[in-house]
Amino acid sequence: MKFTVAIDGPAAAGKGTISRAVAEKFGFAYLDTGSLYRAVGVKALEIGRGVIDPVVAARVAGNLSDTDLNRDDLRTGMAGQAASKVAAMPPVREALLEFQKDYARREGGAILDGRDIGTVICPEAEVKIYVTASDEVRAERRQKELVPDKPDLTVGQVLIDLRARDARDAARDVAPMKPAQDALLLDTTKLSIDAAVAEALALIQKRIG
């Protein structure tokens, strides 16, 4: 069976948590596409010594290993900013496009989360969900994730970074972040994790029948 679930949305809206829960429930393969761009961004920073070069980024995009995708530093603020920058580069997106498309149509079902899954990577997905939340709530969630390593980090600082990233992701010429026209909106601002997951599962189960 080939069944694709595309989950998009901005950072810290909850799409990763929801995607992992859905994958576990239905036995689908799961790909966090953001980790692809984070890994490319971090490697490009390392290779370019602080300067993200499109050619370098595109080259490393096609040679990512499981080790690269599971680095401990991929969830840092630096990795997130680097990911947003390289994701706006056409050579990088092209290098990763086919990999994501093939993953999405694998046998047994697959769920992918990102920012352009329902619009670019998998416009034919059986289910498309756009997960969102208020800027303030997302900033609070992300600050809690980052503060163990950055005790002085404030919610206000995270809010500024999130809004800057949102603006960059939404304004890029190639595959901007936006909900697909037929995507189902899931606002997690006032939902607990369990409630958000339950809503997503119900939406998908309806399509599976």
N, C-alpha and C. Protein backbone atom coordinates (compact mmCIF):
# COMPACT_ATOMS: atom_id res chain seq x y z
N MET A 1 0.83 -1.20 0.00
CA MET A 1 0.00 0.00 0.00
C MET A 1 0.86 1.24 0.00
N LYS A 2 0.52 2.19 -0.87
CA LYS A 2 1.20 3.47 -0.87
C LYS A 2 0.21 4.52 -0.36
N PHE A 3 0.57 5.14 0.74
CA PHE A 3 -0.30 6.13 1.36
C PHE A 3 0.58 7.20 1.97
N THR A 4 0.43 8.43 1.51
CA THR A 4 1.30 9.51 1.95
C THR A 4 0.55 10.53 2.79
N VAL A 5 1.14 10.88 3.92
CA VAL A 5 0.62 11.94 4.77
C VAL A 5 1.63 13.08 4.75
N ALA A 6 1.19 14.26 4.32
CA ALA A 6 2.05 15.44 4.26
C ALA A 6 1.66 16.39 5.40
N ILE A 7 2.59 16.69 6.27
CA ILE A 7 2.32 17.60 7.38
C ILE A 7 3.28 18.78 7.30
N ASP A 8 2.71 19.96 7.13
CA ASP A 8 3.50 21.18 7.01
C ASP A 8 3.19 22.15 8.14
N GLY A 9 4.01 23.18 8.25
CA GLY A 9 3.76 24.20 9.25
C GLY A 9 5.05 24.84 9.72
N PRO A 10 4.94 25.94 10.45
CA PRO A 10 6.12 26.64 10.95
C PRO A 10 6.76 25.92 12.13
N ALA A 11 7.93 26.39 12.52
CA ALA A 11 8.67 25.78 13.63
C ALA A 11 7.88 25.85 14.93
N ALA A 12 8.01 24.78 15.73
CA ALA A 12 7.44 24.70 17.08
C ALA A 12 5.91 24.71 17.11
N ALA A 13 5.28 24.39 15.99
CA ALA A 13 3.82 24.30 15.96
C ALA A 13 3.36 22.94 16.44
N GLY A 14 4.27 21.95 16.41
CA GLY A 14 3.94 20.61 16.87
C GLY A 14 3.92 19.56 15.79
N LYS A 15 4.31 19.91 14.58
CA LYS A 15 4.19 18.96 13.48
C LYS A 15 5.10 17.75 13.63
N GLY A 16 6.28 17.93 14.23
CA GLY A 16 7.17 16.79 14.42
C GLY A 16 6.62 15.79 15.40
N THR A 17 6.12 16.28 16.53
CA THR A 17 5.54 15.41 17.55
C THR A 17 4.33 14.66 16.99
N ILE A 18 3.49 15.38 16.26
CA ILE A 18 2.31 14.77 15.67
C ILE A 18 2.71 13.73 14.62
N SER A 19 3.68 14.05 13.79
CA SER A 19 4.11 13.14 12.73
C SER A 19 4.67 11.84 13.30
N ARG A 20 5.48 11.94 14.33
CA ARG A 20 6.05 10.73 14.93
C ARG A 20 4.96 9.85 15.54
N ALA A 21 3.98 10.48 16.18
CA ALA A 21 2.89 9.72 16.78
C ALA A 21 2.05 9.02 15.72
N VAL A 22 1.77 9.73 14.63
CA VAL A 22 0.99 9.15 13.54
C VAL A 22 1.74 7.98 12.90
N ALA A 23 3.04 8.16 12.68
CA ALA A 23 3.85 7.09 12.09
C ALA A 23 3.83 5.84 12.96
N GLU A 24 3.93 6.03 14.27
CA GLU A 24 3.92 4.89 15.18
C GLU A 24 2.56 4.21 15.19
N LYS A 25 1.49 5.00 15.17
CA LYS A 25 0.14 4.46 15.21
C LYS A 25 -0.18 3.60 14.00
N PHE A 26 0.17 4.10 12.81
CA PHE A 26 -0.20 3.41 11.58
C PHE A 26 0.93 2.56 11.00
N GLY A 27 2.10 2.59 11.60
CA GLY A 27 3.22 1.82 11.08
C GLY A 27 3.82 2.40 9.83
N PHE A 28 3.69 3.71 9.64
CA PHE A 28 4.25 4.38 8.47
C PHE A 28 5.73 4.71 8.69
N ALA A 29 6.47 4.78 7.60
CA ALA A 29 7.83 5.31 7.66
C ALA A 29 7.74 6.82 7.90
N TYR A 30 8.70 7.37 8.61
CA TYR A 30 8.64 8.80 8.95
C TYR A 30 9.92 9.52 8.55
N LEU A 31 9.75 10.65 7.88
CA LEU A 31 10.89 11.48 7.50
C LEU A 31 10.67 12.91 7.95
N ASP A 32 11.55 13.38 8.80
CA ASP A 32 11.56 14.79 9.21
C ASP A 32 12.41 15.52 8.18
N THR A 33 11.76 16.13 7.19
CA THR A 33 12.53 16.75 6.11
C THR A 33 13.34 17.95 6.61
N GLY A 34 12.90 18.53 7.72
CA GLY A 34 13.69 19.62 8.27
C GLY A 34 15.08 19.17 8.66
N SER A 35 15.21 17.90 9.08
CA SER A 35 16.54 17.40 9.46
C SER A 35 17.46 17.35 8.25
N LEU A 36 16.89 17.14 7.05
CA LEU A 36 17.70 17.14 5.84
C LEU A 36 18.35 18.51 5.65
N TYR A 37 17.53 19.55 5.76
CA TYR A 37 18.04 20.90 5.55
C TYR A 37 18.93 21.36 6.71
N ARG A 38 18.62 20.91 7.92
CA ARG A 38 19.47 21.24 9.05
C ARG A 38 20.85 20.60 8.87
N ALA A 39 20.86 19.34 8.42
CA ALA A 39 22.13 18.65 8.22
C ALA A 39 22.95 19.31 7.12
N VAL A 40 22.27 19.70 6.03
CA VAL A 40 22.96 20.40 4.95
C VAL A 40 23.51 21.74 5.45
N GLY A 41 22.68 22.47 6.19
CA GLY A 41 23.11 23.77 6.69
C GLY A 41 24.31 23.68 7.59
N VAL A 42 24.30 22.72 8.52
CA VAL A 42 25.41 22.55 9.46
C VAL A 42 26.68 22.13 8.73
N LYS A 43 26.55 21.18 7.79
CA LYS A 43 27.73 20.73 7.05
C LYS A 43 28.29 21.85 6.18
N ALA A 44 27.39 22.65 5.60
CA ALA A 44 27.85 23.76 4.77
C ALA A 44 28.59 24.80 5.62
N LEU A 45 28.09 25.05 6.80
CA LEU A 45 28.77 25.96 7.72
C LEU A 45 30.16 25.46 8.06
N GLU A 46 30.25 24.16 8.31
CA GLU A 46 31.54 23.58 8.67
C GLU A 46 32.52 23.62 7.50
N ILE A 47 32.02 23.22 6.33
CA ILE A 47 32.89 23.19 5.15
C ILE A 47 33.27 24.61 4.72
N GLY A 48 32.27 25.52 4.80
CA GLY A 48 32.52 26.88 4.36
C GLY A 48 33.07 27.78 5.44
N ARG A 49 33.33 27.21 6.62
CA ARG A 49 33.89 27.98 7.73
C ARG A 49 33.05 29.22 8.04
N GLY A 50 31.76 28.99 8.13
CA GLY A 50 30.88 30.09 8.52
C GLY A 50 30.15 30.75 7.38
N VAL A 51 30.52 30.43 6.15
CA VAL A 51 29.86 31.04 4.99
C VAL A 51 29.13 29.95 4.22
N ILE A 52 27.82 30.04 4.15
CA ILE A 52 27.04 29.02 3.45
C ILE A 52 27.10 29.28 1.95
N ASP A 53 27.74 28.39 1.24
CA ASP A 53 27.90 28.53 -0.20
C ASP A 53 26.94 27.58 -0.91
N PRO A 54 26.15 28.06 -1.86
CA PRO A 54 25.16 27.21 -2.53
C PRO A 54 25.76 25.97 -3.17
N VAL A 55 26.92 26.11 -3.79
CA VAL A 55 27.54 24.96 -4.45
C VAL A 55 27.96 23.91 -3.43
N VAL A 56 28.56 24.38 -2.35
CA VAL A 56 28.97 23.47 -1.29
C VAL A 56 27.75 22.79 -0.69
N ALA A 57 26.73 23.56 -0.41
CA ALA A 57 25.51 23.03 0.20
C ALA A 57 24.86 21.99 -0.70
N ALA A 58 24.79 22.27 -1.99
CA ALA A 58 24.19 21.33 -2.93
C ALA A 58 24.99 20.04 -3.01
N ARG A 59 26.32 20.15 -2.92
CA ARG A 59 27.16 18.97 -3.00
C ARG A 59 26.96 18.06 -1.79
N VAL A 60 26.91 18.64 -0.60
CA VAL A 60 26.74 17.82 0.59
C VAL A 60 25.32 17.29 0.70
N ALA A 61 24.37 17.96 0.04
CA ALA A 61 22.97 17.53 0.13
C ALA A 61 22.79 16.11 -0.38
N GLY A 62 23.53 15.75 -1.40
CA GLY A 62 23.37 14.43 -1.98
C GLY A 62 24.18 13.34 -1.31
N ASN A 63 24.92 13.71 -0.25
CA ASN A 63 25.78 12.73 0.41
C ASN A 63 25.58 12.71 1.91
N LEU A 64 24.33 12.81 2.33
CA LEU A 64 24.04 12.78 3.76
C LEU A 64 23.90 11.35 4.24
N SER A 65 24.47 11.06 5.38
CA SER A 65 24.38 9.73 5.98
C SER A 65 23.42 9.76 7.15
N ASP A 66 23.09 8.58 7.68
CA ASP A 66 22.24 8.52 8.87
C ASP A 66 22.90 9.25 10.03
N THR A 67 24.23 9.20 10.08
CA THR A 67 24.95 9.91 11.14
C THR A 67 24.71 11.41 11.03
N ASP A 68 24.73 11.93 9.81
CA ASP A 68 24.50 13.35 9.59
C ASP A 68 23.10 13.75 10.03
N LEU A 69 22.11 12.89 9.77
CA LEU A 69 20.72 13.20 10.07
C LEU A 69 20.36 13.03 11.53
N ASN A 70 21.28 12.44 12.31
CA ASN A 70 21.00 12.21 13.72
C ASN A 70 22.01 12.89 14.65
N ARG A 71 22.66 13.93 14.13
CA ARG A 71 23.60 14.67 14.96
C ARG A 71 22.87 15.37 16.10
N ASP A 72 23.52 15.43 17.25
CA ASP A 72 22.91 16.06 18.42
C ASP A 72 22.68 17.55 18.24
N ASP A 73 23.49 18.19 17.38
CA ASP A 73 23.40 19.64 17.25
C ASP A 73 22.40 20.10 16.18
N LEU A 74 21.61 19.19 15.62
CA LEU A 74 20.67 19.60 14.58
C LEU A 74 19.47 20.36 15.14
N ARG A 75 19.22 20.27 16.44
CA ARG A 75 18.08 20.96 17.03
C ARG A 75 18.47 22.30 17.64
N THR A 76 19.68 22.75 17.41
CA THR A 76 20.11 24.04 17.95
C THR A 76 19.56 25.19 17.12
N GLY A 77 19.57 26.39 17.70
CA GLY A 77 19.12 27.56 16.98
C GLY A 77 19.98 27.83 15.76
N MET A 78 21.29 27.60 15.89
CA MET A 78 22.21 27.80 14.77
C MET A 78 21.84 26.91 13.59
N ALA A 79 21.54 25.65 13.89
CA ALA A 79 21.18 24.71 12.83
C ALA A 79 19.88 25.13 12.16
N GLY A 80 18.94 25.63 12.95
CA GLY A 80 17.67 26.07 12.39
C GLY A 80 17.83 27.24 11.45
N GLN A 81 18.65 28.21 11.84
CA GLN A 81 18.89 29.37 10.99
C GLN A 81 19.63 28.95 9.72
N ALA A 82 20.60 28.06 9.86
CA ALA A 82 21.35 27.59 8.69
C ALA A 82 20.43 26.83 7.74
N ALA A 83 19.52 26.04 8.30
CA ALA A 83 18.58 25.28 7.48
C ALA A 83 17.69 26.20 6.67
N SER A 84 17.19 27.25 7.32
CA SER A 84 16.31 28.19 6.64
C SER A 84 17.02 28.87 5.46
N LYS A 85 18.30 29.14 5.64
CA LYS A 85 19.07 29.82 4.58
C LYS A 85 19.34 28.89 3.40
N VAL A 86 19.79 27.67 3.68
CA VAL A 86 20.09 26.77 2.56
C VAL A 86 18.81 26.29 1.88
N ALA A 87 17.70 26.25 2.63
CA ALA A 87 16.44 25.80 2.04
C ALA A 87 15.93 26.76 0.99
N ALA A 88 16.41 28.00 1.01
CA ALA A 88 16.01 28.99 0.03
C ALA A 88 16.85 28.90 -1.25
N MET A 89 17.82 27.99 -1.27
CA MET A 89 18.72 27.87 -2.41
C MET A 89 18.24 26.78 -3.37
N PRO A 90 17.88 27.14 -4.60
CA PRO A 90 17.39 26.15 -5.58
C PRO A 90 18.28 24.93 -5.75
N PRO A 91 19.63 25.07 -5.79
CA PRO A 91 20.45 23.88 -5.96
C PRO A 91 20.28 22.86 -4.84
N VAL A 92 20.08 23.35 -3.63
CA VAL A 92 19.89 22.46 -2.49
C VAL A 92 18.55 21.75 -2.58
N ARG A 93 17.50 22.49 -2.87
CA ARG A 93 16.16 21.91 -2.96
C ARG A 93 16.10 20.86 -4.07
N GLU A 94 16.76 21.15 -5.18
CA GLU A 94 16.77 20.21 -6.30
C GLU A 94 17.50 18.92 -5.91
N ALA A 95 18.60 19.07 -5.17
CA ALA A 95 19.38 17.90 -4.77
C ALA A 95 18.61 16.98 -3.85
N LEU A 96 17.69 17.53 -3.08
CA LEU A 96 16.93 16.73 -2.11
C LEU A 96 15.54 16.33 -2.58
N LEU A 97 15.10 16.89 -3.70
CA LEU A 97 13.73 16.69 -4.16
C LEU A 97 13.39 15.23 -4.43
N GLU A 98 14.19 14.56 -5.26
CA GLU A 98 13.88 13.19 -5.65
C GLU A 98 13.93 12.24 -4.46
N PHE A 99 14.88 12.47 -3.57
CA PHE A 99 14.98 11.62 -2.38
C PHE A 99 13.68 11.65 -1.58
N GLN A 100 13.14 12.85 -1.39
CA GLN A 100 11.91 13.00 -0.63
C GLN A 100 10.70 12.41 -1.36
N LYS A 101 10.64 12.61 -2.67
CA LYS A 101 9.53 12.08 -3.45
C LYS A 101 9.51 10.55 -3.41
N ASP A 102 10.67 9.94 -3.56
CA ASP A 102 10.75 8.48 -3.52
C ASP A 102 10.36 7.95 -2.14
N TYR A 103 10.81 8.64 -1.11
CA TYR A 103 10.50 8.23 0.25
C TYR A 103 8.99 8.27 0.48
N ALA A 104 8.35 9.30 -0.03
CA ALA A 104 6.93 9.51 0.20
C ALA A 104 6.07 8.42 -0.42
N ARG A 105 6.50 7.83 -1.52
CA ARG A 105 5.68 6.84 -2.21
C ARG A 105 6.17 5.41 -1.98
N ARG A 106 6.89 5.20 -0.91
CA ARG A 106 7.36 3.85 -0.60
C ARG A 106 6.19 2.97 -0.17
N GLU A 107 6.37 1.68 -0.32
CA GLU A 107 5.34 0.73 0.09
C GLU A 107 5.19 0.76 1.62
N GLY A 108 3.96 0.62 2.08
CA GLY A 108 3.71 0.57 3.51
C GLY A 108 3.29 1.89 4.11
N GLY A 109 3.31 2.95 3.29
CA GLY A 109 2.88 4.25 3.78
C GLY A 109 4.03 5.08 4.35
N ALA A 110 3.91 6.37 4.23
CA ALA A 110 4.95 7.26 4.73
C ALA A 110 4.35 8.59 5.17
N ILE A 111 4.97 9.18 6.16
CA ILE A 111 4.59 10.51 6.61
C ILE A 111 5.82 11.40 6.58
N LEU A 112 5.66 12.55 5.97
CA LEU A 112 6.75 13.52 5.87
C LEU A 112 6.29 14.83 6.47
N ASP A 113 7.15 15.46 7.26
CA ASP A 113 6.80 16.78 7.75
C ASP A 113 7.85 17.80 7.32
N GLY A 114 7.37 19.01 7.06
CA GLY A 114 8.27 20.06 6.59
C GLY A 114 7.51 21.35 6.38
N ARG A 115 7.86 22.05 5.30
CA ARG A 115 7.22 23.31 4.99
C ARG A 115 6.62 23.35 3.59
N ASP A 116 7.04 22.41 2.73
CA ASP A 116 6.52 22.40 1.36
C ASP A 116 6.12 21.00 0.93
N ILE A 117 5.77 20.14 1.88
CA ILE A 117 5.46 18.75 1.54
C ILE A 117 4.17 18.67 0.72
N GLY A 118 3.12 19.32 1.20
CA GLY A 118 1.84 19.25 0.49
C GLY A 118 1.77 20.08 -0.77
N THR A 119 2.65 21.06 -0.90
CA THR A 119 2.61 21.95 -2.06
C THR A 119 3.59 21.56 -3.16
N VAL A 120 4.77 21.03 -2.78
CA VAL A 120 5.82 20.76 -3.77
C VAL A 120 6.24 19.29 -3.78
N ILE A 121 6.57 18.75 -2.61
CA ILE A 121 7.11 17.40 -2.56
C ILE A 121 6.04 16.36 -2.86
N CYS A 122 4.89 16.47 -2.23
CA CYS A 122 3.83 15.47 -2.38
C CYS A 122 2.47 16.11 -2.62
N PRO A 123 2.28 16.82 -3.72
CA PRO A 123 0.97 17.41 -3.99
C PRO A 123 -0.11 16.35 -4.17
N GLU A 124 0.31 15.10 -4.39
CA GLU A 124 -0.65 14.01 -4.58
C GLU A 124 -0.91 13.25 -3.27
N ALA A 125 -0.41 13.73 -2.16
CA ALA A 125 -0.57 13.04 -0.88
C ALA A 125 -2.05 12.81 -0.57
N GLU A 126 -2.34 11.64 -0.01
CA GLU A 126 -3.72 11.30 0.34
C GLU A 126 -4.25 12.19 1.47
N VAL A 127 -3.36 12.61 2.37
CA VAL A 127 -3.75 13.50 3.46
C VAL A 127 -2.73 14.63 3.58
N LYS A 128 -3.25 15.86 3.68
CA LYS A 128 -2.38 17.03 3.87
C LYS A 128 -2.88 17.79 5.09
N ILE A 129 -1.99 18.03 6.03
CA ILE A 129 -2.35 18.75 7.24
C ILE A 129 -1.37 19.90 7.42
N TYR A 130 -1.91 21.07 7.71
CA TYR A 130 -1.05 22.23 8.00
C TYR A 130 -1.20 22.54 9.49
N VAL A 131 -0.12 22.32 10.23
CA VAL A 131 -0.13 22.52 11.68
C VAL A 131 0.41 23.90 12.00
N THR A 132 -0.34 24.66 12.79
CA THR A 132 0.09 26.00 13.14
C THR A 132 -0.22 26.29 14.61
N ALA A 133 0.25 27.43 15.09
CA ALA A 133 -0.02 27.89 16.46
C ALA A 133 0.38 29.35 16.50
N SER A 134 -0.05 30.05 17.52
CA SER A 134 0.29 31.47 17.62
C SER A 134 1.80 31.64 17.78
N ASP A 135 2.31 32.79 17.36
CA ASP A 135 3.75 33.06 17.47
C ASP A 135 4.21 32.96 18.91
N GLU A 136 3.43 33.49 19.82
CA GLU A 136 3.83 33.52 21.22
C GLU A 136 3.93 32.12 21.82
N VAL A 137 2.95 31.28 21.53
CA VAL A 137 2.97 29.92 22.04
C VAL A 137 4.13 29.13 21.44
N ARG A 138 4.38 29.32 20.17
CA ARG A 138 5.50 28.62 19.54
C ARG A 138 6.83 29.05 20.15
N ALA A 139 6.96 30.35 20.44
CA ALA A 139 8.19 30.85 21.05
C ALA A 139 8.39 30.25 22.44
N GLU A 140 7.32 30.13 23.21
CA GLU A 140 7.42 29.53 24.53
C GLU A 140 7.86 28.08 24.44
N ARG A 141 7.30 27.35 23.49
CA ARG A 141 7.66 25.94 23.32
C ARG A 141 9.12 25.79 22.93
N ARG A 142 9.56 26.59 21.98
CA ARG A 142 10.95 26.48 21.52
C ARG A 142 11.92 26.92 22.60
N GLN A 143 11.57 27.94 23.37
CA GLN A 143 12.46 28.40 24.44
C GLN A 143 12.68 27.29 25.46
N LYS A 144 11.65 26.53 25.77
CA LYS A 144 11.76 25.42 26.72
C LYS A 144 12.70 24.34 26.18
N GLU A 145 12.71 24.16 24.85
CA GLU A 145 13.58 23.17 24.24
C GLU A 145 15.04 23.61 24.31
N LEU A 146 15.26 24.90 24.11
CA LEU A 146 16.63 25.42 23.97
C LEU A 146 17.27 25.86 25.28
N VAL A 147 16.45 26.22 26.28
CA VAL A 147 17.00 26.83 27.50
C VAL A 147 17.94 25.92 28.29
N PRO A 148 17.82 24.58 28.25
CA PRO A 148 18.81 23.77 28.97
C PRO A 148 20.24 24.03 28.53
N ASP A 149 20.42 24.32 27.24
CA ASP A 149 21.76 24.61 26.72
C ASP A 149 22.06 26.11 26.72
N LYS A 150 20.99 26.92 26.80
CA LYS A 150 21.15 28.38 26.80
C LYS A 150 20.29 28.96 27.92
N PRO A 151 20.78 28.89 29.16
CA PRO A 151 19.98 29.31 30.31
C PRO A 151 19.50 30.76 30.27
N ASP A 152 20.23 31.61 29.56
CA ASP A 152 19.88 33.04 29.51
C ASP A 152 18.92 33.38 28.37
N LEU A 153 18.56 32.40 27.57
CA LEU A 153 17.71 32.64 26.41
C LEU A 153 16.29 33.00 26.86
N THR A 154 15.76 34.09 26.34
CA THR A 154 14.42 34.53 26.72
C THR A 154 13.41 34.18 25.64
N VAL A 155 12.14 34.14 26.03
CA VAL A 155 11.07 33.89 25.08
C VAL A 155 11.05 35.00 24.02
N GLY A 156 11.34 36.23 24.45
CA GLY A 156 11.35 37.34 23.51
C GLY A 156 12.39 37.17 22.42
N GLN A 157 13.56 36.68 22.79
CA GLN A 157 14.62 36.46 21.80
C GLN A 157 14.21 35.36 20.82
N VAL A 158 13.62 34.31 21.34
CA VAL A 158 13.17 33.21 20.48
C VAL A 158 12.06 33.69 19.55
N LEU A 159 11.18 34.52 20.05
CA LEU A 159 10.08 35.05 19.24
C LEU A 159 10.61 35.84 18.06
N ILE A 160 11.63 36.65 18.28
CA ILE A 160 12.23 37.42 17.20
C ILE A 160 12.81 36.49 16.14
N ASP A 161 13.54 35.45 16.59
CA ASP A 161 14.14 34.51 15.66
C ASP A 161 13.08 33.74 14.87
N LEU A 162 12.01 33.31 15.55
CA LEU A 162 10.95 32.56 14.88
C LEU A 162 10.27 33.40 13.80
N ARG A 163 9.98 34.64 14.14
CA ARG A 163 9.31 35.51 13.17
C ARG A 163 10.21 35.80 11.98
N ALA A 164 11.49 35.95 12.23
CA ALA A 164 12.43 36.19 11.13
C ALA A 164 12.49 34.97 10.21
N ARG A 165 12.51 33.80 10.83
CA ARG A 165 12.56 32.57 10.04
C ARG A 165 11.26 32.37 9.28
N ASP A 166 10.13 32.62 9.92
CA ASP A 166 8.84 32.49 9.24
C ASP A 166 8.79 33.39 8.00
N ALA A 167 9.25 34.63 8.18
CA ALA A 167 9.22 35.59 7.08
C ALA A 167 10.10 35.12 5.93
N ARG A 168 11.27 34.60 6.27
CA ARG A 168 12.19 34.12 5.25
C ARG A 168 11.61 32.89 4.54
N ASP A 169 11.04 31.96 5.30
CA ASP A 169 10.49 30.74 4.71
C ASP A 169 9.27 31.03 3.82
N ALA A 170 8.47 32.02 4.22
CA ALA A 170 7.26 32.33 3.47
C ALA A 170 7.54 33.18 2.24
N ALA A 171 8.65 33.91 2.26
CA ALA A 171 8.94 34.85 1.17
C ALA A 171 9.88 34.30 0.11
N ARG A 172 10.47 33.13 0.36
CA ARG A 172 11.44 32.62 -0.62
C ARG A 172 10.75 32.33 -1.95
N ASP A 173 11.51 32.49 -3.02
CA ASP A 173 10.96 32.31 -4.37
C ASP A 173 10.64 30.85 -4.67
N VAL A 174 11.47 29.95 -4.13
CA VAL A 174 11.30 28.53 -4.40
C VAL A 174 10.61 27.85 -3.21
N ALA A 175 9.49 27.20 -3.47
CA ALA A 175 8.76 26.43 -2.46
C ALA A 175 8.55 27.19 -1.16
N PRO A 176 7.86 28.31 -1.19
CA PRO A 176 7.61 29.05 0.05
C PRO A 176 6.72 28.27 1.01
N MET A 177 6.86 28.57 2.29
CA MET A 177 6.03 27.90 3.29
C MET A 177 4.61 28.45 3.21
N LYS A 178 3.68 27.55 2.93
CA LYS A 178 2.27 27.93 2.90
C LYS A 178 1.44 26.66 2.88
N PRO A 179 0.20 26.72 3.35
CA PRO A 179 -0.64 25.51 3.32
C PRO A 179 -1.08 25.20 1.89
N ALA A 180 -1.17 23.93 1.57
CA ALA A 180 -1.73 23.54 0.27
C ALA A 180 -3.20 23.94 0.26
N GLN A 181 -3.74 24.17 -0.92
CA GLN A 181 -5.13 24.62 -1.02
C GLN A 181 -6.10 23.61 -0.40
N ASP A 182 -5.76 22.33 -0.46
CA ASP A 182 -6.65 21.31 0.08
C ASP A 182 -6.16 20.76 1.42
N ALA A 183 -5.26 21.49 2.08
CA ALA A 183 -4.76 21.03 3.38
C ALA A 183 -5.78 21.27 4.49
N LEU A 184 -5.77 20.39 5.46
CA LEU A 184 -6.62 20.53 6.63
C LEU A 184 -5.84 21.31 7.68
N LEU A 185 -6.43 22.35 8.24
CA LEU A 185 -5.75 23.20 9.21
C LEU A 185 -5.89 22.62 10.61
N LEU A 186 -4.78 22.51 11.32
CA LEU A 186 -4.78 22.04 12.70
C LEU A 186 -4.05 23.08 13.55
N ASP A 187 -4.80 23.87 14.31
CA ASP A 187 -4.23 24.91 15.17
C ASP A 187 -4.01 24.32 16.57
N THR A 188 -2.75 24.25 16.99
CA THR A 188 -2.42 23.62 18.27
C THR A 188 -2.22 24.62 19.40
N THR A 189 -2.57 25.88 19.17
CA THR A 189 -2.32 26.92 20.17
C THR A 189 -2.88 26.54 21.53
N LYS A 190 -4.10 26.06 21.56
CA LYS A 190 -4.77 25.76 22.83
C LYS A 190 -4.92 24.25 23.08
N LEU A 191 -4.18 23.45 22.30
CA LEU A 191 -4.30 22.00 22.45
C LEU A 191 -3.11 21.41 23.18
N SER A 192 -3.39 20.39 23.99
CA SER A 192 -2.30 19.62 24.59
C SER A 192 -1.71 18.74 23.49
N ILE A 193 -0.57 18.15 23.77
CA ILE A 193 0.05 17.26 22.79
C ILE A 193 -0.89 16.10 22.46
N ASP A 194 -1.47 15.51 23.49
CA ASP A 194 -2.36 14.36 23.27
C ASP A 194 -3.58 14.75 22.43
N ALA A 195 -4.13 15.94 22.69
CA ALA A 195 -5.30 16.38 21.95
C ALA A 195 -4.96 16.66 20.49
N ALA A 196 -3.80 17.27 20.26
CA ALA A 196 -3.38 17.57 18.89
C ALA A 196 -3.15 16.28 18.10
N VAL A 197 -2.50 15.31 18.73
CA VAL A 197 -2.26 14.02 18.08
C VAL A 197 -3.58 13.33 17.77
N ALA A 198 -4.51 13.38 18.71
CA ALA A 198 -5.81 12.73 18.53
C ALA A 198 -6.55 13.32 17.34
N GLU A 199 -6.50 14.63 17.18
CA GLU A 199 -7.18 15.26 16.05
C GLU A 199 -6.55 14.83 14.73
N ALA A 200 -5.22 14.79 14.70
CA ALA A 200 -4.53 14.38 13.48
C ALA A 200 -4.86 12.93 13.13
N LEU A 201 -4.85 12.08 14.12
CA LEU A 201 -5.17 10.66 13.89
C LEU A 201 -6.58 10.49 13.35
N ALA A 202 -7.50 11.27 13.87
CA ALA A 202 -8.89 11.18 13.41
C ALA A 202 -9.02 11.61 11.95
N LEU A 203 -8.30 12.67 11.58
CA LEU A 203 -8.34 13.16 10.20
C LEU A 203 -7.80 12.10 9.24
N ILE A 204 -6.70 11.47 9.64
CA ILE A 204 -6.06 10.47 8.78
C ILE A 204 -6.90 9.20 8.71
N GLN A 205 -7.42 8.77 9.86
CA GLN A 205 -8.22 7.56 9.89
C GLN A 205 -9.45 7.67 8.99
N LYS A 206 -10.02 8.85 8.92
CA LYS A 206 -11.18 9.08 8.06
C LYS A 206 -10.83 8.80 6.60
N ARG A 207 -9.62 9.22 6.19
CA ARG A 207 -9.20 9.02 4.81
C ARG A 207 -8.83 7.57 4.54
N ILE A 208 -8.26 6.90 5.54
CA ILE A 208 -7.89 5.49 5.37
C ILE A 208 -9.14 4.63 5.29
N GLY A 209 -10.17 5.07 6.08
CA GLY A 209 -11.43 4.31 6.07
C GLY A 209 -11.39 3.10 6.96
